[in-house]
Amino acid sequence: MGIMYMGIYSDRIGDHEGYAAQLLPDGTETSMVLDLSEITGHRAACECGWRGATVHPPTEAGEQQADDEWEARHLEPLVDTEAARHTVTGAVLVRFMRELARQADRRPRVDGDRYDGHALGLCDANNQLGDLLDELTRQEVTA
């Protein structure tokens, strides 16, 4: 079973389903699930044809390492490349921050006045975006 990417820019980068291909003793690979004793390792793979460079151990940990390699070496660069094509203005981020604050305020309160966990998460995201905007402003001033 693979990892189907359905996140940001998925409509732009196309279908990418990553998986840990199992390597057979003859060097071929299979996506079929075999007993770990029947394989020599795992390799990161994607349905688009991409293959990782590393052979990971024939263990559950090796399978996870292959999945992690697919994400770090294949998927993230695709998303980052697409993201670099777009510019988000400070005004757009400020509007988004205001909407996060409104959503947090609309959440039911715990004990009458405290935010629930979801609202606290919205507030945390809002604070992080504010910190990012402040940092970007500082960088512009020093540039």
N, C-alpha and C. Protein backbone atom coordinates (compact mmCIF):
# COMPACT_ATOMS: atom_id res chain seq x y z
N MET A 1 0.84 -1.17 0.00
CA MET A 1 0.00 0.00 0.00
C MET A 1 0.89 1.23 0.00
N GLY A 2 0.66 2.13 -0.92
CA GLY A 2 1.49 3.30 -1.07
C GLY A 2 0.94 4.51 -0.33
N ILE A 3 1.67 5.60 -0.48
CA ILE A 3 1.30 6.87 0.12
C ILE A 3 0.87 7.78 -1.02
N MET A 4 -0.41 8.05 -1.14
CA MET A 4 -0.93 8.92 -2.20
C MET A 4 -0.88 10.36 -1.71
N TYR A 5 -0.14 11.21 -2.44
CA TYR A 5 -0.06 12.62 -2.05
C TYR A 5 -1.29 13.35 -2.54
N MET A 6 -1.97 14.04 -1.61
CA MET A 6 -3.16 14.80 -1.94
C MET A 6 -3.12 16.17 -1.27
N GLY A 7 -1.93 16.68 -1.01
CA GLY A 7 -1.77 17.94 -0.30
C GLY A 7 -1.69 19.13 -1.23
N ILE A 8 -1.07 20.19 -0.71
CA ILE A 8 -0.97 21.45 -1.45
C ILE A 8 -0.28 21.23 -2.79
N TYR A 9 -0.81 21.85 -3.83
CA TYR A 9 -0.32 21.78 -5.21
C TYR A 9 -0.43 20.40 -5.84
N SER A 10 -1.17 19.48 -5.23
CA SER A 10 -1.28 18.15 -5.82
C SER A 10 -1.90 18.21 -7.21
N ASP A 11 -2.79 19.17 -7.44
CA ASP A 11 -3.39 19.30 -8.77
C ASP A 11 -2.37 19.80 -9.79
N ARG A 12 -1.31 20.44 -9.34
CA ARG A 12 -0.30 21.00 -10.25
C ARG A 12 0.85 20.04 -10.52
N ILE A 13 1.22 19.23 -9.53
CA ILE A 13 2.39 18.36 -9.71
C ILE A 13 2.02 16.98 -10.24
N GLY A 14 0.73 16.69 -10.31
CA GLY A 14 0.30 15.40 -10.84
C GLY A 14 0.21 14.33 -9.77
N ASP A 15 -0.13 13.14 -10.21
CA ASP A 15 -0.31 12.02 -9.29
C ASP A 15 1.04 11.46 -8.86
N HIS A 16 1.22 11.36 -7.57
CA HIS A 16 2.45 10.77 -7.02
C HIS A 16 2.06 9.88 -5.85
N GLU A 17 2.29 8.60 -6.04
CA GLU A 17 2.05 7.63 -4.98
C GLU A 17 3.37 6.95 -4.67
N GLY A 18 3.87 7.24 -3.49
CA GLY A 18 5.14 6.67 -3.08
C GLY A 18 4.97 5.36 -2.35
N TYR A 19 5.98 4.52 -2.45
CA TYR A 19 5.94 3.25 -1.74
C TYR A 19 7.36 2.72 -1.59
N ALA A 20 7.51 1.76 -0.71
CA ALA A 20 8.79 1.10 -0.52
C ALA A 20 8.79 -0.15 -1.39
N ALA A 21 9.50 -0.08 -2.53
CA ALA A 21 9.60 -1.25 -3.40
C ALA A 21 10.45 -2.29 -2.69
N GLN A 22 10.03 -3.54 -2.79
CA GLN A 22 10.79 -4.62 -2.17
C GLN A 22 11.75 -5.20 -3.20
N LEU A 23 13.01 -5.33 -2.81
CA LEU A 23 14.04 -5.83 -3.71
C LEU A 23 14.19 -7.33 -3.54
N LEU A 24 14.15 -8.02 -4.65
CA LEU A 24 14.28 -9.48 -4.65
C LEU A 24 15.74 -9.87 -4.80
N PRO A 25 16.10 -11.11 -4.46
CA PRO A 25 17.50 -11.54 -4.55
C PRO A 25 18.12 -11.36 -5.94
N ASP A 26 17.31 -11.43 -7.00
CA ASP A 26 17.86 -11.27 -8.35
C ASP A 26 18.03 -9.81 -8.76
N GLY A 27 17.73 -8.87 -7.84
CA GLY A 27 17.90 -7.45 -8.11
C GLY A 27 16.66 -6.75 -8.62
N THR A 28 15.64 -7.51 -9.00
CA THR A 28 14.40 -6.87 -9.45
C THR A 28 13.62 -6.38 -8.24
N GLU A 29 12.63 -5.56 -8.51
CA GLU A 29 11.81 -5.05 -7.41
C GLU A 29 10.35 -5.38 -7.65
N THR A 30 9.63 -5.41 -6.55
CA THR A 30 8.20 -5.67 -6.61
C THR A 30 7.49 -4.77 -5.62
N SER A 31 6.26 -4.44 -5.95
CA SER A 31 5.43 -3.68 -5.01
C SER A 31 4.52 -4.62 -4.23
N MET A 32 4.59 -5.91 -4.57
CA MET A 32 3.79 -6.90 -3.84
C MET A 32 4.34 -7.05 -2.43
N VAL A 33 3.46 -7.31 -1.50
CA VAL A 33 3.88 -7.49 -0.11
C VAL A 33 4.37 -8.91 0.07
N LEU A 34 5.65 -9.03 0.41
CA LEU A 34 6.26 -10.33 0.63
C LEU A 34 6.75 -10.40 2.07
N ASP A 35 7.02 -11.59 2.52
CA ASP A 35 7.63 -11.79 3.84
C ASP A 35 9.02 -11.16 3.81
N LEU A 36 9.41 -10.50 4.88
CA LEU A 36 10.71 -9.82 4.92
C LEU A 36 11.87 -10.77 4.66
N SER A 37 11.71 -12.05 4.98
CA SER A 37 12.79 -13.01 4.76
C SER A 37 13.00 -13.30 3.28
N GLU A 38 12.05 -12.90 2.42
CA GLU A 38 12.15 -13.16 0.98
C GLU A 38 12.79 -12.02 0.20
N ILE A 39 13.09 -10.91 0.86
CA ILE A 39 13.62 -9.75 0.14
C ILE A 39 15.00 -9.39 0.64
N THR A 40 15.73 -8.60 -0.18
CA THR A 40 17.07 -8.17 0.20
C THR A 40 17.12 -6.71 0.65
N GLY A 41 16.02 -5.99 0.48
CA GLY A 41 15.98 -4.60 0.91
C GLY A 41 14.76 -3.88 0.38
N HIS A 42 14.72 -2.58 0.68
CA HIS A 42 13.64 -1.70 0.22
C HIS A 42 14.27 -0.52 -0.53
N ARG A 43 13.57 -0.05 -1.55
CA ARG A 43 13.99 1.15 -2.28
C ARG A 43 12.79 2.08 -2.39
N ALA A 44 13.03 3.36 -2.15
CA ALA A 44 11.97 4.35 -2.33
C ALA A 44 11.55 4.36 -3.79
N ALA A 45 10.24 4.40 -4.02
CA ALA A 45 9.72 4.38 -5.38
C ALA A 45 8.46 5.22 -5.47
N CYS A 46 8.15 5.64 -6.70
CA CYS A 46 6.93 6.39 -6.95
C CYS A 46 6.27 5.84 -8.21
N GLU A 47 4.96 5.89 -8.23
CA GLU A 47 4.21 5.41 -9.39
C GLU A 47 4.60 6.15 -10.67
N CYS A 48 5.14 7.36 -10.55
CA CYS A 48 5.53 8.14 -11.73
C CYS A 48 6.80 7.60 -12.39
N GLY A 49 7.48 6.66 -11.72
CA GLY A 49 8.70 6.09 -12.27
C GLY A 49 9.96 6.45 -11.51
N TRP A 50 9.89 7.44 -10.62
CA TRP A 50 11.06 7.85 -9.85
C TRP A 50 11.48 6.72 -8.92
N ARG A 51 12.79 6.55 -8.75
CA ARG A 51 13.34 5.58 -7.81
C ARG A 51 14.42 6.25 -6.97
N GLY A 52 14.46 5.89 -5.70
CA GLY A 52 15.49 6.40 -4.81
C GLY A 52 16.82 5.73 -5.08
N ALA A 53 17.89 6.34 -4.59
CA ALA A 53 19.23 5.83 -4.82
C ALA A 53 19.69 4.85 -3.75
N THR A 54 19.05 4.87 -2.60
CA THR A 54 19.51 4.09 -1.45
C THR A 54 18.75 2.78 -1.34
N VAL A 55 19.48 1.71 -1.03
CA VAL A 55 18.84 0.44 -0.69
C VAL A 55 18.78 0.38 0.83
N HIS A 56 17.58 0.31 1.34
CA HIS A 56 17.36 0.27 2.79
C HIS A 56 17.23 -1.18 3.24
N PRO A 57 17.50 -1.45 4.52
CA PRO A 57 17.47 -2.82 5.03
C PRO A 57 16.10 -3.50 4.83
N PRO A 58 16.11 -4.83 4.76
CA PRO A 58 14.86 -5.59 4.59
C PRO A 58 14.11 -5.76 5.91
N THR A 59 13.82 -4.63 6.53
CA THR A 59 13.14 -4.62 7.83
C THR A 59 11.98 -3.63 7.76
N GLU A 60 11.15 -3.64 8.79
CA GLU A 60 10.08 -2.64 8.86
C GLU A 60 10.67 -1.23 8.94
N ALA A 61 11.77 -1.09 9.68
CA ALA A 61 12.44 0.21 9.77
C ALA A 61 12.98 0.62 8.41
N GLY A 62 13.51 -0.33 7.64
CA GLY A 62 14.00 -0.04 6.30
C GLY A 62 12.88 0.40 5.37
N GLU A 63 11.71 -0.21 5.53
CA GLU A 63 10.55 0.19 4.74
C GLU A 63 10.17 1.64 5.06
N GLN A 64 10.18 1.99 6.34
CA GLN A 64 9.87 3.37 6.74
C GLN A 64 10.92 4.33 6.21
N GLN A 65 12.18 3.92 6.23
CA GLN A 65 13.25 4.77 5.70
C GLN A 65 13.04 5.04 4.21
N ALA A 66 12.59 4.02 3.47
CA ALA A 66 12.31 4.20 2.04
C ALA A 66 11.15 5.17 1.84
N ASP A 67 10.10 5.03 2.64
CA ASP A 67 8.98 5.97 2.56
C ASP A 67 9.44 7.39 2.86
N ASP A 68 10.28 7.53 3.88
CA ASP A 68 10.80 8.86 4.25
C ASP A 68 11.66 9.44 3.12
N GLU A 69 12.45 8.58 2.46
CA GLU A 69 13.28 9.04 1.35
C GLU A 69 12.41 9.54 0.20
N TRP A 70 11.33 8.81 -0.11
CA TRP A 70 10.41 9.25 -1.17
C TRP A 70 9.89 10.65 -0.87
N GLU A 71 9.49 10.86 0.38
CA GLU A 71 8.94 12.16 0.75
C GLU A 71 10.00 13.26 0.67
N ALA A 72 11.19 13.01 1.24
CA ALA A 72 12.22 14.04 1.32
C ALA A 72 12.92 14.30 -0.01
N ARG A 73 13.17 13.26 -0.80
CA ARG A 73 13.98 13.41 -2.00
C ARG A 73 13.17 13.55 -3.29
N HIS A 74 11.89 13.18 -3.24
CA HIS A 74 11.08 13.25 -4.45
C HIS A 74 9.90 14.21 -4.28
N LEU A 75 9.05 13.93 -3.30
CA LEU A 75 7.82 14.71 -3.17
C LEU A 75 8.08 16.16 -2.75
N GLU A 76 8.86 16.35 -1.69
CA GLU A 76 9.10 17.71 -1.20
C GLU A 76 9.73 18.61 -2.26
N PRO A 77 10.73 18.14 -3.04
CA PRO A 77 11.25 19.00 -4.10
C PRO A 77 10.21 19.37 -5.16
N LEU A 78 9.30 18.46 -5.48
CA LEU A 78 8.24 18.78 -6.44
C LEU A 78 7.34 19.89 -5.90
N VAL A 79 6.93 19.75 -4.64
CA VAL A 79 6.06 20.76 -4.01
C VAL A 79 6.81 22.08 -3.88
N ASP A 80 8.07 22.04 -3.46
CA ASP A 80 8.86 23.26 -3.29
C ASP A 80 9.04 24.00 -4.62
N THR A 81 9.27 23.25 -5.70
CA THR A 81 9.42 23.86 -7.02
C THR A 81 8.14 24.57 -7.43
N GLU A 82 7.01 23.93 -7.22
CA GLU A 82 5.73 24.56 -7.56
C GLU A 82 5.48 25.77 -6.67
N ALA A 83 5.78 25.65 -5.39
CA ALA A 83 5.56 26.77 -4.46
C ALA A 83 6.40 27.99 -4.85
N ALA A 84 7.59 27.75 -5.37
CA ALA A 84 8.47 28.86 -5.75
C ALA A 84 7.90 29.67 -6.91
N ARG A 85 6.94 29.13 -7.62
CA ARG A 85 6.33 29.83 -8.75
C ARG A 85 5.28 30.84 -8.31
N HIS A 86 4.94 30.85 -7.04
CA HIS A 86 3.85 31.69 -6.54
C HIS A 86 4.37 32.66 -5.49
N THR A 87 3.79 33.85 -5.47
CA THR A 87 4.12 34.85 -4.46
C THR A 87 2.85 35.17 -3.68
N VAL A 88 2.96 35.06 -2.36
CA VAL A 88 1.84 35.42 -1.49
C VAL A 88 2.21 36.74 -0.82
N THR A 89 1.36 37.73 -0.99
CA THR A 89 1.65 39.05 -0.41
C THR A 89 1.35 39.06 1.09
N GLY A 90 1.94 40.03 1.76
CA GLY A 90 1.65 40.22 3.18
C GLY A 90 0.17 40.47 3.41
N ALA A 91 -0.47 41.19 2.49
CA ALA A 91 -1.90 41.48 2.64
C ALA A 91 -2.73 40.20 2.64
N VAL A 92 -2.37 39.26 1.79
CA VAL A 92 -3.09 37.98 1.75
C VAL A 92 -2.90 37.24 3.07
N LEU A 93 -1.67 37.23 3.59
CA LEU A 93 -1.42 36.55 4.85
C LEU A 93 -2.15 37.22 6.01
N VAL A 94 -2.20 38.54 6.02
CA VAL A 94 -2.91 39.25 7.10
C VAL A 94 -4.40 38.91 7.06
N ARG A 95 -4.99 38.87 5.87
CA ARG A 95 -6.41 38.49 5.76
C ARG A 95 -6.61 37.06 6.28
N PHE A 96 -5.68 36.18 5.94
CA PHE A 96 -5.77 34.80 6.42
C PHE A 96 -5.65 34.75 7.94
N MET A 97 -4.74 35.54 8.51
CA MET A 97 -4.58 35.58 9.96
C MET A 97 -5.86 36.08 10.63
N ARG A 98 -6.49 37.08 10.05
CA ARG A 98 -7.74 37.58 10.63
C ARG A 98 -8.82 36.50 10.59
N GLU A 99 -8.86 35.74 9.51
CA GLU A 99 -9.85 34.66 9.43
C GLU A 99 -9.57 33.58 10.46
N LEU A 100 -8.31 33.25 10.68
CA LEU A 100 -7.97 32.28 11.74
C LEU A 100 -8.45 32.78 13.09
N ALA A 101 -8.24 34.06 13.37
CA ALA A 101 -8.68 34.63 14.66
C ALA A 101 -10.20 34.57 14.78
N ARG A 102 -10.91 34.86 13.69
CA ARG A 102 -12.38 34.79 13.72
C ARG A 102 -12.84 33.36 13.98
N GLN A 103 -12.20 32.40 13.33
CA GLN A 103 -12.58 31.00 13.55
C GLN A 103 -12.33 30.59 15.00
N ALA A 104 -11.22 31.02 15.56
CA ALA A 104 -10.93 30.69 16.96
C ALA A 104 -11.99 31.30 17.87
N ASP A 105 -12.39 32.54 17.60
CA ASP A 105 -13.40 33.21 18.43
C ASP A 105 -14.77 32.56 18.33
N ARG A 106 -15.06 31.91 17.21
CA ARG A 106 -16.36 31.26 17.03
C ARG A 106 -16.44 29.88 17.69
N ARG A 107 -15.29 29.35 18.10
CA ARG A 107 -15.29 28.03 18.74
C ARG A 107 -15.94 28.12 20.13
N PRO A 108 -16.63 27.03 20.54
CA PRO A 108 -17.19 27.03 21.90
C PRO A 108 -16.07 27.13 22.94
N ARG A 109 -16.36 27.82 24.01
CA ARG A 109 -15.36 28.02 25.07
C ARG A 109 -15.44 26.88 26.08
N VAL A 110 -14.31 26.59 26.68
CA VAL A 110 -14.22 25.59 27.74
C VAL A 110 -14.31 26.34 29.06
N ASP A 111 -15.13 25.87 29.96
CA ASP A 111 -15.33 26.54 31.25
C ASP A 111 -15.73 28.00 31.08
N GLY A 112 -16.41 28.30 30.00
CA GLY A 112 -16.94 29.64 29.79
C GLY A 112 -16.00 30.65 29.18
N ASP A 113 -14.67 30.47 29.33
CA ASP A 113 -13.80 31.52 28.80
C ASP A 113 -12.53 31.04 28.11
N ARG A 114 -12.14 29.79 28.31
CA ARG A 114 -10.89 29.30 27.70
C ARG A 114 -11.16 28.70 26.32
N TYR A 115 -10.20 28.87 25.41
CA TYR A 115 -10.30 28.24 24.10
C TYR A 115 -10.17 26.73 24.22
N ASP A 116 -10.85 25.99 23.34
CA ASP A 116 -10.65 24.54 23.29
C ASP A 116 -9.37 24.25 22.50
N GLY A 117 -9.01 22.98 22.40
CA GLY A 117 -7.76 22.60 21.73
C GLY A 117 -7.69 23.06 20.28
N HIS A 118 -8.81 22.95 19.56
CA HIS A 118 -8.83 23.37 18.16
C HIS A 118 -8.57 24.87 18.05
N ALA A 119 -9.25 25.65 18.88
CA ALA A 119 -9.07 27.10 18.84
C ALA A 119 -7.64 27.48 19.23
N LEU A 120 -7.06 26.76 20.20
CA LEU A 120 -5.67 27.03 20.57
C LEU A 120 -4.74 26.76 19.40
N GLY A 121 -5.03 25.70 18.62
CA GLY A 121 -4.24 25.41 17.43
C GLY A 121 -4.34 26.53 16.39
N LEU A 122 -5.55 27.06 16.22
CA LEU A 122 -5.74 28.19 15.30
C LEU A 122 -4.94 29.41 15.77
N CYS A 123 -4.98 29.66 17.09
CA CYS A 123 -4.22 30.79 17.65
C CYS A 123 -2.72 30.59 17.46
N ASP A 124 -2.26 29.35 17.66
CA ASP A 124 -0.84 29.06 17.48
C ASP A 124 -0.42 29.28 16.02
N ALA A 125 -1.23 28.80 15.08
CA ALA A 125 -0.92 29.01 13.66
C ALA A 125 -0.90 30.51 13.35
N ASN A 126 -1.85 31.24 13.91
CA ASN A 126 -1.91 32.68 13.70
C ASN A 126 -0.64 33.36 14.22
N ASN A 127 -0.21 32.97 15.41
CA ASN A 127 1.00 33.55 15.99
C ASN A 127 2.23 33.23 15.15
N GLN A 128 2.31 32.00 14.64
CA GLN A 128 3.45 31.61 13.81
C GLN A 128 3.48 32.41 12.51
N LEU A 129 2.31 32.63 11.90
CA LEU A 129 2.25 33.46 10.70
C LEU A 129 2.68 34.89 11.00
N GLY A 130 2.25 35.42 12.15
CA GLY A 130 2.67 36.76 12.55
C GLY A 130 4.18 36.84 12.72
N ASP A 131 4.76 35.82 13.35
CA ASP A 131 6.21 35.78 13.52
C ASP A 131 6.91 35.74 12.16
N LEU A 132 6.35 34.96 11.23
CA LEU A 132 6.93 34.87 9.88
C LEU A 132 6.89 36.23 9.19
N LEU A 133 5.76 36.91 9.26
CA LEU A 133 5.67 38.24 8.64
C LEU A 133 6.66 39.22 9.27
N ASP A 134 6.80 39.17 10.59
CA ASP A 134 7.77 40.03 11.27
C ASP A 134 9.19 39.73 10.78
N GLU A 135 9.52 38.45 10.67
CA GLU A 135 10.86 38.06 10.22
C GLU A 135 11.10 38.50 8.77
N LEU A 136 10.10 38.33 7.91
CA LEU A 136 10.25 38.77 6.52
C LEU A 136 10.45 40.28 6.44
N THR A 137 9.75 41.02 7.30
CA THR A 137 9.90 42.48 7.33
C THR A 137 11.31 42.86 7.77
N ARG A 138 11.83 42.17 8.80
CA ARG A 138 13.20 42.43 9.26
C ARG A 138 14.21 42.15 8.14
N GLN A 139 13.99 41.08 7.39
CA GLN A 139 14.90 40.74 6.30
C GLN A 139 14.87 41.79 5.20
N GLU A 140 13.68 42.34 4.92
CA GLU A 140 13.57 43.39 3.90
C GLU A 140 14.31 44.65 4.33
N VAL A 141 14.24 44.97 5.62
CA VAL A 141 14.88 46.18 6.14
C VAL A 141 16.40 46.05 6.04
N THR A 142 16.94 44.87 6.31
CA THR A 142 18.39 44.68 6.29
C THR A 142 18.92 44.42 4.89
N ALA A 143 18.05 44.16 3.93
CA ALA A 143 18.51 43.85 2.57
C ALA A 143 18.84 45.09 1.78
